[in-house]
Amino acid sequence: MASLPKEPLEDSKKQSFWMPGNYVRTVHRTDQSFQACNDIMACFMERAKVEKQYAQQLSQWSSKWKSIMDSRPLYGSLMRAWQCFFTSTERLSALHSSISQSLAEEEGHRVKTWQRETFPKKLFCGFKESYDNKTSFSRAQKPWSKKLKKIYAIYCLTNQEIWGSLWRPGGLSSSLVHLCHRLVLI
């Protein structure tokens, strides 16, 4: 289940992907995905270590009890039961050893190969995909960003004039009303 963001939710317009500069979270997904692959490989290695330790413990336990039972005078079906029990323990140990080996060598290698193919690095700029995305997004948003700055500047200027004229005895002038209509039509 996805966790909620730790930072408080801000104005939805500021978090919109389409607002200038808000593509950064999308660009950082490449870095985060690369790190997730590293985490998966670390998880595989830890699991392989646990499996190997368990296999060794099973082998030690089996050999300890096998030597004890070999020194006892057991015959017939009781001896056969103990032998089957130790044989199954040795098989289980071999199974966990093979799981450990598979995780460490095969699966880890497969993830590492996929990671290398999927996330090519540039010499100085980090990942090629991140660099390409960042430059593409910034180029795509440049005209929109200029337009947004122009509209915001007009809005601030108009807002100051409106508040200033509200306090003047004459009220709103016709040129100011015309400016407000122009701002709405932009």
N, C-alpha and C. Protein backbone atom coordinates (compact mmCIF):
# COMPACT_ATOMS: atom_id res chain seq x y z
N MET A 1 0.84 -1.17 0.00
CA MET A 1 0.00 0.00 0.00
C MET A 1 0.89 1.23 0.00
N ALA A 2 0.57 2.20 -0.80
CA ALA A 2 1.37 3.41 -0.91
C ALA A 2 1.20 4.26 0.35
N SER A 3 2.29 4.83 0.79
CA SER A 3 2.24 5.67 1.98
C SER A 3 1.95 7.10 1.56
N LEU A 4 1.40 7.85 2.48
CA LEU A 4 1.09 9.25 2.22
C LEU A 4 2.37 10.07 2.29
N PRO A 5 2.45 11.19 1.56
CA PRO A 5 3.65 12.00 1.61
C PRO A 5 3.86 12.56 3.02
N LYS A 6 5.13 12.68 3.41
CA LYS A 6 5.45 13.14 4.76
C LYS A 6 5.27 14.65 4.91
N GLU A 7 5.50 15.40 3.81
CA GLU A 7 5.35 16.84 3.90
C GLU A 7 3.87 17.21 3.80
N PRO A 8 3.48 18.31 4.40
CA PRO A 8 2.06 18.70 4.34
C PRO A 8 1.67 19.03 2.91
N LEU A 9 0.43 18.73 2.59
CA LEU A 9 -0.06 19.02 1.25
C LEU A 9 -0.17 20.53 1.06
N GLU A 10 0.37 21.00 -0.05
CA GLU A 10 0.35 22.42 -0.35
C GLU A 10 -0.78 22.70 -1.34
N ASP A 11 -0.79 23.89 -1.83
CA ASP A 11 -1.77 24.29 -2.83
C ASP A 11 -1.63 23.37 -4.04
N SER A 12 -2.76 22.88 -4.54
CA SER A 12 -2.72 21.92 -5.64
C SER A 12 -2.11 22.53 -6.90
N LYS A 13 -2.20 23.84 -7.06
CA LYS A 13 -1.62 24.49 -8.23
C LYS A 13 -0.10 24.47 -8.17
N LYS A 14 0.46 24.53 -6.99
CA LYS A 14 1.91 24.49 -6.85
C LYS A 14 2.44 23.08 -7.08
N GLN A 15 1.64 22.04 -6.79
CA GLN A 15 2.09 20.68 -6.96
C GLN A 15 1.79 20.13 -8.35
N SER A 16 1.09 20.86 -9.16
CA SER A 16 0.72 20.38 -10.48
C SER A 16 1.97 20.11 -11.31
N PHE A 17 1.96 19.00 -11.99
CA PHE A 17 3.08 18.63 -12.86
C PHE A 17 3.29 19.69 -13.94
N TRP A 18 2.24 20.33 -14.37
CA TRP A 18 2.32 21.25 -15.49
C TRP A 18 2.89 22.62 -15.11
N MET A 19 2.97 22.92 -13.82
CA MET A 19 3.53 24.21 -13.42
C MET A 19 5.04 24.20 -13.68
N PRO A 20 5.62 25.34 -14.02
CA PRO A 20 7.05 25.39 -14.34
C PRO A 20 7.92 24.85 -13.20
N GLY A 21 8.83 23.96 -13.55
CA GLY A 21 9.77 23.41 -12.58
C GLY A 21 9.27 22.21 -11.81
N ASN A 22 8.00 21.89 -11.90
CA ASN A 22 7.45 20.77 -11.12
C ASN A 22 7.70 19.42 -11.78
N TYR A 23 8.41 19.40 -12.87
CA TYR A 23 8.77 18.14 -13.51
C TYR A 23 9.93 17.46 -12.78
N VAL A 24 10.53 18.13 -11.82
CA VAL A 24 11.71 17.62 -11.14
C VAL A 24 11.43 16.27 -10.47
N ARG A 25 10.25 16.12 -9.87
CA ARG A 25 9.91 14.84 -9.23
C ARG A 25 9.90 13.71 -10.25
N THR A 26 9.43 14.01 -11.45
CA THR A 26 9.40 13.00 -12.51
C THR A 26 10.82 12.64 -12.94
N VAL A 27 11.67 13.63 -13.05
CA VAL A 27 13.05 13.39 -13.45
C VAL A 27 13.79 12.56 -12.39
N HIS A 28 13.49 12.80 -11.13
CA HIS A 28 14.17 12.07 -10.05
C HIS A 28 13.70 10.62 -9.94
N ARG A 29 12.64 10.26 -10.60
CA ARG A 29 12.17 8.87 -10.55
C ARG A 29 13.21 7.91 -11.12
N THR A 30 13.99 8.36 -12.09
CA THR A 30 15.04 7.51 -12.64
C THR A 30 16.06 7.18 -11.57
N ASP A 31 16.50 8.20 -10.83
CA ASP A 31 17.45 7.97 -9.74
C ASP A 31 16.85 7.06 -8.68
N GLN A 32 15.59 7.30 -8.36
CA GLN A 32 14.92 6.49 -7.34
C GLN A 32 14.74 5.04 -7.81
N SER A 33 14.48 4.84 -9.08
CA SER A 33 14.34 3.49 -9.62
C SER A 33 15.67 2.75 -9.60
N PHE A 34 16.75 3.46 -9.91
CA PHE A 34 18.08 2.86 -9.84
C PHE A 34 18.39 2.44 -8.40
N GLN A 35 18.05 3.31 -7.45
CA GLN A 35 18.27 2.99 -6.04
C GLN A 35 17.40 1.82 -5.60
N ALA A 36 16.17 1.73 -6.13
CA ALA A 36 15.29 0.61 -5.80
C ALA A 36 15.90 -0.71 -6.27
N CYS A 37 16.55 -0.69 -7.43
CA CYS A 37 17.25 -1.90 -7.90
C CYS A 37 18.38 -2.28 -6.96
N ASN A 38 19.11 -1.29 -6.49
CA ASN A 38 20.18 -1.57 -5.52
C ASN A 38 19.60 -2.16 -4.24
N ASP A 39 18.45 -1.64 -3.81
CA ASP A 39 17.81 -2.16 -2.61
C ASP A 39 17.35 -3.59 -2.79
N ILE A 40 16.80 -3.89 -3.98
CA ILE A 40 16.36 -5.26 -4.26
C ILE A 40 17.55 -6.22 -4.23
N MET A 41 18.66 -5.80 -4.82
CA MET A 41 19.85 -6.66 -4.82
C MET A 41 20.38 -6.86 -3.40
N ALA A 42 20.35 -5.80 -2.59
CA ALA A 42 20.78 -5.94 -1.19
C ALA A 42 19.85 -6.90 -0.45
N CYS A 43 18.56 -6.81 -0.73
CA CYS A 43 17.58 -7.72 -0.12
C CYS A 43 17.87 -9.16 -0.52
N PHE A 44 18.15 -9.38 -1.81
CA PHE A 44 18.50 -10.72 -2.28
C PHE A 44 19.74 -11.25 -1.57
N MET A 45 20.74 -10.40 -1.41
CA MET A 45 21.99 -10.83 -0.77
C MET A 45 21.76 -11.19 0.71
N GLU A 46 20.95 -10.37 1.38
CA GLU A 46 20.64 -10.67 2.78
C GLU A 46 19.87 -11.98 2.89
N ARG A 47 18.90 -12.17 2.02
CA ARG A 47 18.12 -13.42 2.03
C ARG A 47 19.02 -14.61 1.73
N ALA A 48 19.93 -14.46 0.77
CA ALA A 48 20.87 -15.53 0.44
C ALA A 48 21.74 -15.88 1.64
N LYS A 49 22.15 -14.86 2.38
CA LYS A 49 22.97 -15.08 3.58
C LYS A 49 22.17 -15.85 4.64
N VAL A 50 20.91 -15.46 4.82
CA VAL A 50 20.04 -16.15 5.80
C VAL A 50 19.83 -17.60 5.38
N GLU A 51 19.57 -17.83 4.10
CA GLU A 51 19.37 -19.19 3.60
C GLU A 51 20.64 -20.03 3.80
N LYS A 52 21.78 -19.45 3.52
CA LYS A 52 23.05 -20.17 3.68
C LYS A 52 23.31 -20.52 5.15
N GLN A 53 23.05 -19.56 6.04
CA GLN A 53 23.23 -19.83 7.48
C GLN A 53 22.29 -20.93 7.94
N TYR A 54 21.05 -20.89 7.46
CA TYR A 54 20.08 -21.92 7.85
C TYR A 54 20.52 -23.29 7.34
N ALA A 55 21.02 -23.33 6.11
CA ALA A 55 21.51 -24.60 5.54
C ALA A 55 22.68 -25.13 6.35
N GLN A 56 23.58 -24.25 6.77
CA GLN A 56 24.72 -24.68 7.58
C GLN A 56 24.27 -25.17 8.95
N GLN A 57 23.31 -24.47 9.53
CA GLN A 57 22.80 -24.90 10.84
C GLN A 57 22.11 -26.26 10.74
N LEU A 58 21.36 -26.47 9.67
CA LEU A 58 20.72 -27.78 9.47
C LEU A 58 21.77 -28.88 9.31
N SER A 59 22.81 -28.60 8.56
CA SER A 59 23.88 -29.60 8.37
C SER A 59 24.58 -29.92 9.69
N GLN A 60 24.88 -28.87 10.46
CA GLN A 60 25.52 -29.08 11.76
C GLN A 60 24.62 -29.86 12.69
N TRP A 61 23.37 -29.50 12.73
CA TRP A 61 22.41 -30.19 13.59
C TRP A 61 22.30 -31.65 13.18
N SER A 62 22.21 -31.90 11.88
CA SER A 62 22.07 -33.26 11.38
C SER A 62 23.29 -34.10 11.71
N SER A 63 24.48 -33.54 11.48
CA SER A 63 25.69 -34.31 11.77
C SER A 63 25.85 -34.57 13.27
N LYS A 64 25.47 -33.60 14.10
CA LYS A 64 25.56 -33.78 15.56
C LYS A 64 24.65 -34.94 15.99
N TRP A 65 23.41 -34.89 15.57
CA TRP A 65 22.46 -35.92 16.01
C TRP A 65 22.68 -37.25 15.32
N LYS A 66 23.20 -37.20 14.12
CA LYS A 66 23.51 -38.45 13.42
C LYS A 66 24.61 -39.21 14.15
N SER A 67 25.65 -38.49 14.62
CA SER A 67 26.73 -39.16 15.37
C SER A 67 26.23 -39.69 16.71
N ILE A 68 25.30 -38.96 17.32
CA ILE A 68 24.73 -39.44 18.59
C ILE A 68 23.91 -40.70 18.35
N MET A 69 23.09 -40.70 17.32
CA MET A 69 22.24 -41.86 17.04
C MET A 69 23.04 -43.06 16.55
N ASP A 70 24.17 -42.79 15.87
CA ASP A 70 25.01 -43.90 15.41
C ASP A 70 25.67 -44.62 16.59
N SER A 71 25.88 -43.89 17.68
CA SER A 71 26.49 -44.53 18.86
C SER A 71 25.47 -45.30 19.71
N ARG A 72 24.21 -45.14 19.43
CA ARG A 72 23.14 -45.83 20.18
C ARG A 72 22.84 -47.19 19.53
N PRO A 73 22.39 -48.09 20.31
CA PRO A 73 22.02 -49.41 19.74
C PRO A 73 20.59 -49.37 19.19
N LEU A 74 20.44 -48.89 17.95
CA LEU A 74 19.13 -48.83 17.31
C LEU A 74 19.04 -49.92 16.26
N TYR A 75 17.84 -50.51 16.14
CA TYR A 75 17.64 -51.59 15.16
C TYR A 75 16.29 -51.42 14.48
N GLY A 76 16.19 -51.98 13.31
CA GLY A 76 14.91 -52.11 12.64
C GLY A 76 14.29 -50.80 12.21
N SER A 77 12.99 -50.73 12.48
CA SER A 77 12.21 -49.58 12.00
C SER A 77 12.58 -48.28 12.70
N LEU A 78 13.02 -48.34 13.95
CA LEU A 78 13.44 -47.13 14.65
C LEU A 78 14.69 -46.55 14.01
N MET A 79 15.64 -47.41 13.65
CA MET A 79 16.85 -46.95 12.99
C MET A 79 16.50 -46.37 11.60
N ARG A 80 15.62 -47.01 10.90
CA ARG A 80 15.20 -46.55 9.58
C ARG A 80 14.50 -45.19 9.67
N ALA A 81 13.70 -44.97 10.69
CA ALA A 81 13.02 -43.68 10.90
C ALA A 81 14.03 -42.58 11.12
N TRP A 82 15.04 -42.85 11.98
CA TRP A 82 16.07 -41.84 12.24
C TRP A 82 16.85 -41.54 10.96
N GLN A 83 17.19 -42.56 10.18
CA GLN A 83 17.93 -42.35 8.94
C GLN A 83 17.13 -41.51 7.95
N CYS A 84 15.84 -41.78 7.83
CA CYS A 84 14.97 -40.98 6.95
C CYS A 84 14.89 -39.54 7.43
N PHE A 85 14.82 -39.38 8.74
CA PHE A 85 14.76 -38.04 9.33
C PHE A 85 16.02 -37.25 8.99
N PHE A 86 17.19 -37.86 9.14
CA PHE A 86 18.45 -37.17 8.84
C PHE A 86 18.62 -36.95 7.34
N THR A 87 18.17 -37.89 6.53
CA THR A 87 18.25 -37.74 5.08
C THR A 87 17.40 -36.56 4.62
N SER A 88 16.20 -36.45 5.17
CA SER A 88 15.34 -35.32 4.80
C SER A 88 15.94 -34.00 5.26
N THR A 89 16.60 -34.00 6.41
CA THR A 89 17.25 -32.79 6.90
C THR A 89 18.41 -32.39 5.98
N GLU A 90 19.17 -33.38 5.52
CA GLU A 90 20.27 -33.08 4.60
C GLU A 90 19.74 -32.57 3.26
N ARG A 91 18.64 -33.12 2.78
CA ARG A 91 18.02 -32.63 1.55
C ARG A 91 17.52 -31.20 1.71
N LEU A 92 16.93 -30.94 2.86
CA LEU A 92 16.44 -29.59 3.15
C LEU A 92 17.61 -28.61 3.19
N SER A 93 18.71 -29.04 3.80
CA SER A 93 19.90 -28.20 3.84
C SER A 93 20.42 -27.93 2.43
N ALA A 94 20.44 -28.96 1.59
CA ALA A 94 20.89 -28.78 0.20
C ALA A 94 19.95 -27.83 -0.56
N LEU A 95 18.66 -27.96 -0.29
CA LEU A 95 17.68 -27.07 -0.95
C LEU A 95 17.93 -25.62 -0.56
N HIS A 96 18.13 -25.35 0.72
CA HIS A 96 18.37 -23.98 1.16
C HIS A 96 19.72 -23.46 0.65
N SER A 97 20.69 -24.34 0.50
CA SER A 97 21.97 -23.93 -0.09
C SER A 97 21.77 -23.53 -1.55
N SER A 98 20.97 -24.30 -2.27
CA SER A 98 20.73 -23.97 -3.69
C SER A 98 19.92 -22.67 -3.81
N ILE A 99 18.98 -22.44 -2.90
CA ILE A 99 18.22 -21.17 -2.90
C ILE A 99 19.18 -20.01 -2.66
N SER A 100 20.08 -20.18 -1.71
CA SER A 100 21.05 -19.14 -1.41
C SER A 100 21.92 -18.85 -2.63
N GLN A 101 22.38 -19.89 -3.27
CA GLN A 101 23.23 -19.73 -4.44
C GLN A 101 22.45 -19.08 -5.59
N SER A 102 21.21 -19.49 -5.78
CA SER A 102 20.38 -18.93 -6.85
C SER A 102 20.12 -17.45 -6.62
N LEU A 103 19.82 -17.09 -5.39
CA LEU A 103 19.57 -15.67 -5.09
C LEU A 103 20.82 -14.83 -5.29
N ALA A 104 21.93 -15.33 -4.81
CA ALA A 104 23.16 -14.56 -4.86
C ALA A 104 23.70 -14.43 -6.29
N GLU A 105 23.66 -15.51 -7.03
CA GLU A 105 24.30 -15.49 -8.34
C GLU A 105 23.33 -15.19 -9.48
N GLU A 106 22.29 -15.99 -9.61
CA GLU A 106 21.42 -15.86 -10.78
C GLU A 106 20.53 -14.63 -10.71
N GLU A 107 19.75 -14.51 -9.65
CA GLU A 107 18.78 -13.41 -9.57
C GLU A 107 19.48 -12.07 -9.40
N GLY A 108 20.49 -12.02 -8.56
CA GLY A 108 21.24 -10.78 -8.38
C GLY A 108 21.89 -10.33 -9.68
N HIS A 109 22.44 -11.29 -10.41
CA HIS A 109 23.07 -10.98 -11.70
C HIS A 109 22.03 -10.50 -12.71
N ARG A 110 20.86 -11.12 -12.70
CA ARG A 110 19.79 -10.74 -13.62
C ARG A 110 19.33 -9.30 -13.36
N VAL A 111 19.15 -8.95 -12.10
CA VAL A 111 18.73 -7.57 -11.75
C VAL A 111 19.83 -6.58 -12.10
N LYS A 112 21.07 -6.93 -11.82
CA LYS A 112 22.20 -6.04 -12.11
C LYS A 112 22.32 -5.80 -13.62
N THR A 113 22.14 -6.85 -14.42
CA THR A 113 22.21 -6.71 -15.87
C THR A 113 21.07 -5.82 -16.37
N TRP A 114 19.87 -6.06 -15.87
CA TRP A 114 18.73 -5.23 -16.26
C TRP A 114 18.97 -3.78 -15.88
N GLN A 115 19.49 -3.56 -14.69
CA GLN A 115 19.76 -2.21 -14.20
C GLN A 115 20.78 -1.52 -15.11
N ARG A 116 21.83 -2.22 -15.48
CA ARG A 116 22.87 -1.65 -16.34
C ARG A 116 22.30 -1.29 -17.72
N GLU A 117 21.42 -2.15 -18.26
CA GLU A 117 20.84 -1.89 -19.57
C GLU A 117 19.80 -0.77 -19.53
N THR A 118 19.04 -0.70 -18.44
CA THR A 118 17.93 0.25 -18.35
C THR A 118 18.38 1.65 -17.96
N PHE A 119 19.42 1.75 -17.16
CA PHE A 119 19.86 3.05 -16.64
C PHE A 119 21.28 3.36 -17.10
N PRO A 120 21.46 3.70 -18.38
CA PRO A 120 22.81 4.06 -18.82
C PRO A 120 23.22 5.40 -18.19
N LYS A 121 24.47 5.47 -17.78
CA LYS A 121 24.97 6.69 -17.14
C LYS A 121 25.77 7.51 -18.13
N LYS A 122 25.67 8.83 -17.96
CA LYS A 122 26.52 9.74 -18.72
C LYS A 122 27.80 9.93 -17.92
N LEU A 123 28.78 10.53 -18.53
CA LEU A 123 30.07 10.67 -17.87
C LEU A 123 29.99 11.58 -16.65
N PHE A 124 29.34 12.74 -16.78
CA PHE A 124 29.30 13.70 -15.67
C PHE A 124 27.90 14.06 -15.20
N CYS A 125 26.88 13.73 -15.96
CA CYS A 125 25.55 14.25 -15.67
C CYS A 125 24.62 13.25 -15.01
N GLY A 126 25.11 12.19 -14.46
CA GLY A 126 24.23 11.19 -13.86
C GLY A 126 23.67 10.27 -14.93
N PHE A 127 22.39 10.03 -14.91
CA PHE A 127 21.76 9.12 -15.86
C PHE A 127 21.37 9.85 -17.13
N LYS A 128 21.56 9.17 -18.25
CA LYS A 128 21.24 9.74 -19.55
C LYS A 128 19.76 10.10 -19.63
N GLU A 129 18.91 9.20 -19.17
CA GLU A 129 17.46 9.44 -19.23
C GLU A 129 17.06 10.65 -18.39
N SER A 130 17.64 10.79 -17.20
CA SER A 130 17.33 11.94 -16.35
C SER A 130 17.75 13.25 -17.02
N TYR A 131 18.93 13.24 -17.59
CA TYR A 131 19.43 14.43 -18.26
C TYR A 131 18.55 14.80 -19.45
N ASP A 132 18.21 13.80 -20.26
CA ASP A 132 17.35 14.05 -21.42
C ASP A 132 15.97 14.55 -21.00
N ASN A 133 15.40 13.93 -19.98
CA ASN A 133 14.08 14.37 -19.50
C ASN A 133 14.13 15.79 -18.97
N LYS A 134 15.16 16.09 -18.20
CA LYS A 134 15.26 17.43 -17.62
C LYS A 134 15.38 18.49 -18.70
N THR A 135 16.23 18.26 -19.68
CA THR A 135 16.38 19.26 -20.75
C THR A 135 15.11 19.35 -21.59
N SER A 136 14.47 18.22 -21.87
CA SER A 136 13.24 18.25 -22.67
C SER A 136 12.11 18.98 -21.94
N PHE A 137 11.94 18.68 -20.66
CA PHE A 137 10.89 19.35 -19.88
C PHE A 137 11.16 20.85 -19.78
N SER A 138 12.40 21.22 -19.52
CA SER A 138 12.69 22.66 -19.37
C SER A 138 12.47 23.39 -20.70
N ARG A 139 12.83 22.77 -21.83
CA ARG A 139 12.58 23.39 -23.14
C ARG A 139 11.09 23.50 -23.42
N ALA A 140 10.35 22.45 -23.07
CA ALA A 140 8.91 22.46 -23.33
C ALA A 140 8.19 23.49 -22.47
N GLN A 141 8.68 23.72 -21.27
CA GLN A 141 7.99 24.64 -20.36
C GLN A 141 8.47 26.09 -20.49
N LYS A 142 9.51 26.32 -21.24
CA LYS A 142 10.05 27.69 -21.34
C LYS A 142 9.01 28.69 -21.85
N PRO A 143 8.31 28.45 -22.96
CA PRO A 143 7.31 29.44 -23.41
C PRO A 143 6.18 29.62 -22.40
N TRP A 144 5.74 28.52 -21.83
CA TRP A 144 4.66 28.59 -20.83
C TRP A 144 5.12 29.35 -19.60
N SER A 145 6.35 29.16 -19.20
CA SER A 145 6.89 29.85 -18.03
C SER A 145 6.96 31.36 -18.28
N LYS A 146 7.39 31.74 -19.48
CA LYS A 146 7.45 33.17 -19.81
C LYS A 146 6.06 33.79 -19.78
N LYS A 147 5.10 33.09 -20.37
CA LYS A 147 3.71 33.57 -20.40
C LYS A 147 3.15 33.69 -18.98
N LEU A 148 3.45 32.71 -18.13
CA LEU A 148 2.97 32.73 -16.76
C LEU A 148 3.57 33.89 -15.97
N LYS A 149 4.85 34.16 -16.18
CA LYS A 149 5.49 35.30 -15.50
C LYS A 149 4.87 36.62 -15.95
N LYS A 150 4.59 36.73 -17.25
CA LYS A 150 3.97 37.96 -17.77
C LYS A 150 2.59 38.16 -17.17
N ILE A 151 1.79 37.09 -17.14
CA ILE A 151 0.44 37.19 -16.57
C ILE A 151 0.50 37.52 -15.08
N TYR A 152 1.43 36.91 -14.38
CA TYR A 152 1.55 37.17 -12.94
C TYR A 152 1.98 38.62 -12.68
N ALA A 153 2.88 39.14 -13.50
CA ALA A 153 3.31 40.54 -13.34
C ALA A 153 2.13 41.49 -13.59
N ILE A 154 1.33 41.21 -14.63
CA ILE A 154 0.15 42.04 -14.91
C ILE A 154 -0.84 41.94 -13.76
N TYR A 155 -1.01 40.73 -13.25
CA TYR A 155 -1.93 40.52 -12.13
C TYR A 155 -1.50 41.31 -10.90
N CYS A 156 -0.23 41.26 -10.58
CA CYS A 156 0.27 42.00 -9.42
C CYS A 156 0.11 43.51 -9.59
N LEU A 157 0.44 43.98 -10.80
CA LEU A 157 0.31 45.41 -11.07
C LEU A 157 -1.15 45.84 -10.96
N THR A 158 -2.04 45.07 -11.56
CA THR A 158 -3.47 45.39 -11.53
C THR A 158 -3.99 45.33 -10.10
N ASN A 159 -3.57 44.35 -9.38
CA ASN A 159 -4.00 44.18 -8.00
C ASN A 159 -3.59 45.40 -7.15
N GLN A 160 -2.36 45.86 -7.36
CA GLN A 160 -1.89 47.04 -6.62
C GLN A 160 -2.71 48.28 -7.00
N GLU A 161 -2.98 48.42 -8.29
CA GLU A 161 -3.74 49.58 -8.74
C GLU A 161 -5.17 49.54 -8.21
N ILE A 162 -5.77 48.34 -8.21
CA ILE A 162 -7.15 48.22 -7.71
C ILE A 162 -7.20 48.57 -6.23
N TRP A 163 -6.29 48.01 -5.44
CA TRP A 163 -6.31 48.30 -4.01
C TRP A 163 -6.01 49.77 -3.73
N GLY A 164 -5.09 50.33 -4.52
CA GLY A 164 -4.78 51.76 -4.35
C GLY A 164 -5.96 52.64 -4.71
N SER A 165 -6.68 52.28 -5.79
CA SER A 165 -7.80 53.13 -6.22
C SER A 165 -9.01 52.96 -5.31
N LEU A 166 -9.13 51.82 -4.65
CA LEU A 166 -10.26 51.63 -3.74
C LEU A 166 -10.17 52.59 -2.55
N TRP A 167 -8.99 52.94 -2.19
CA TRP A 167 -8.82 53.83 -1.05
C TRP A 167 -8.83 55.30 -1.45
N ARG A 168 -8.70 55.56 -2.75
CA ARG A 168 -8.78 56.94 -3.23
C ARG A 168 -10.24 57.37 -3.31
N PRO A 169 -10.49 58.63 -3.16
CA PRO A 169 -11.88 59.09 -3.18
C PRO A 169 -12.58 58.87 -4.52
N GLY A 170 -11.86 58.84 -5.65
CA GLY A 170 -12.50 58.71 -6.96
C GLY A 170 -12.94 57.29 -7.29
N GLY A 171 -12.40 56.30 -6.63
CA GLY A 171 -12.76 54.91 -6.92
C GLY A 171 -12.02 54.37 -8.13
N LEU A 172 -12.59 53.38 -8.78
CA LEU A 172 -11.96 52.74 -9.94
C LEU A 172 -12.12 53.61 -11.18
N SER A 173 -11.04 53.80 -11.92
CA SER A 173 -11.11 54.57 -13.16
C SER A 173 -11.51 53.63 -14.31
N SER A 174 -11.96 54.24 -15.41
CA SER A 174 -12.39 53.42 -16.55
C SER A 174 -11.20 52.70 -17.19
N SER A 175 -10.01 53.31 -17.16
CA SER A 175 -8.82 52.64 -17.72
C SER A 175 -8.46 51.41 -16.89
N LEU A 176 -8.66 51.51 -15.59
CA LEU A 176 -8.36 50.37 -14.73
C LEU A 176 -9.35 49.23 -14.96
N VAL A 177 -10.62 49.56 -15.18
CA VAL A 177 -11.62 48.54 -15.49
C VAL A 177 -11.27 47.88 -16.83
N HIS A 178 -10.83 48.69 -17.81
CA HIS A 178 -10.42 48.15 -19.10
C HIS A 178 -9.22 47.21 -18.93
N LEU A 179 -8.25 47.57 -18.09
CA LEU A 179 -7.08 46.73 -17.81
C LEU A 179 -7.49 45.40 -17.18
N CYS A 180 -8.46 45.44 -16.29
CA CYS A 180 -8.96 44.22 -15.66
C CYS A 180 -9.60 43.30 -16.70
N HIS A 181 -10.36 43.87 -17.62
CA HIS A 181 -10.99 43.06 -18.68
C HIS A 181 -9.93 42.45 -19.59
N ARG A 182 -8.88 43.23 -19.89
CA ARG A 182 -7.79 42.71 -20.71
C ARG A 182 -7.07 41.56 -20.02
N LEU A 183 -6.91 41.68 -18.72
CA LEU A 183 -6.25 40.62 -17.96
C LEU A 183 -7.08 39.34 -17.99
N VAL A 184 -8.37 39.48 -17.92
CA VAL A 184 -9.25 38.30 -17.96
C VAL A 184 -9.20 37.65 -19.33
N LEU A 185 -9.06 38.43 -20.39
CA LEU A 185 -9.06 37.90 -21.75
C LEU A 185 -7.73 37.27 -22.17
N ILE A 186 -6.68 37.49 -21.42
CA ILE A 186 -5.35 36.94 -21.79
C ILE A 186 -5.32 35.47 -21.67
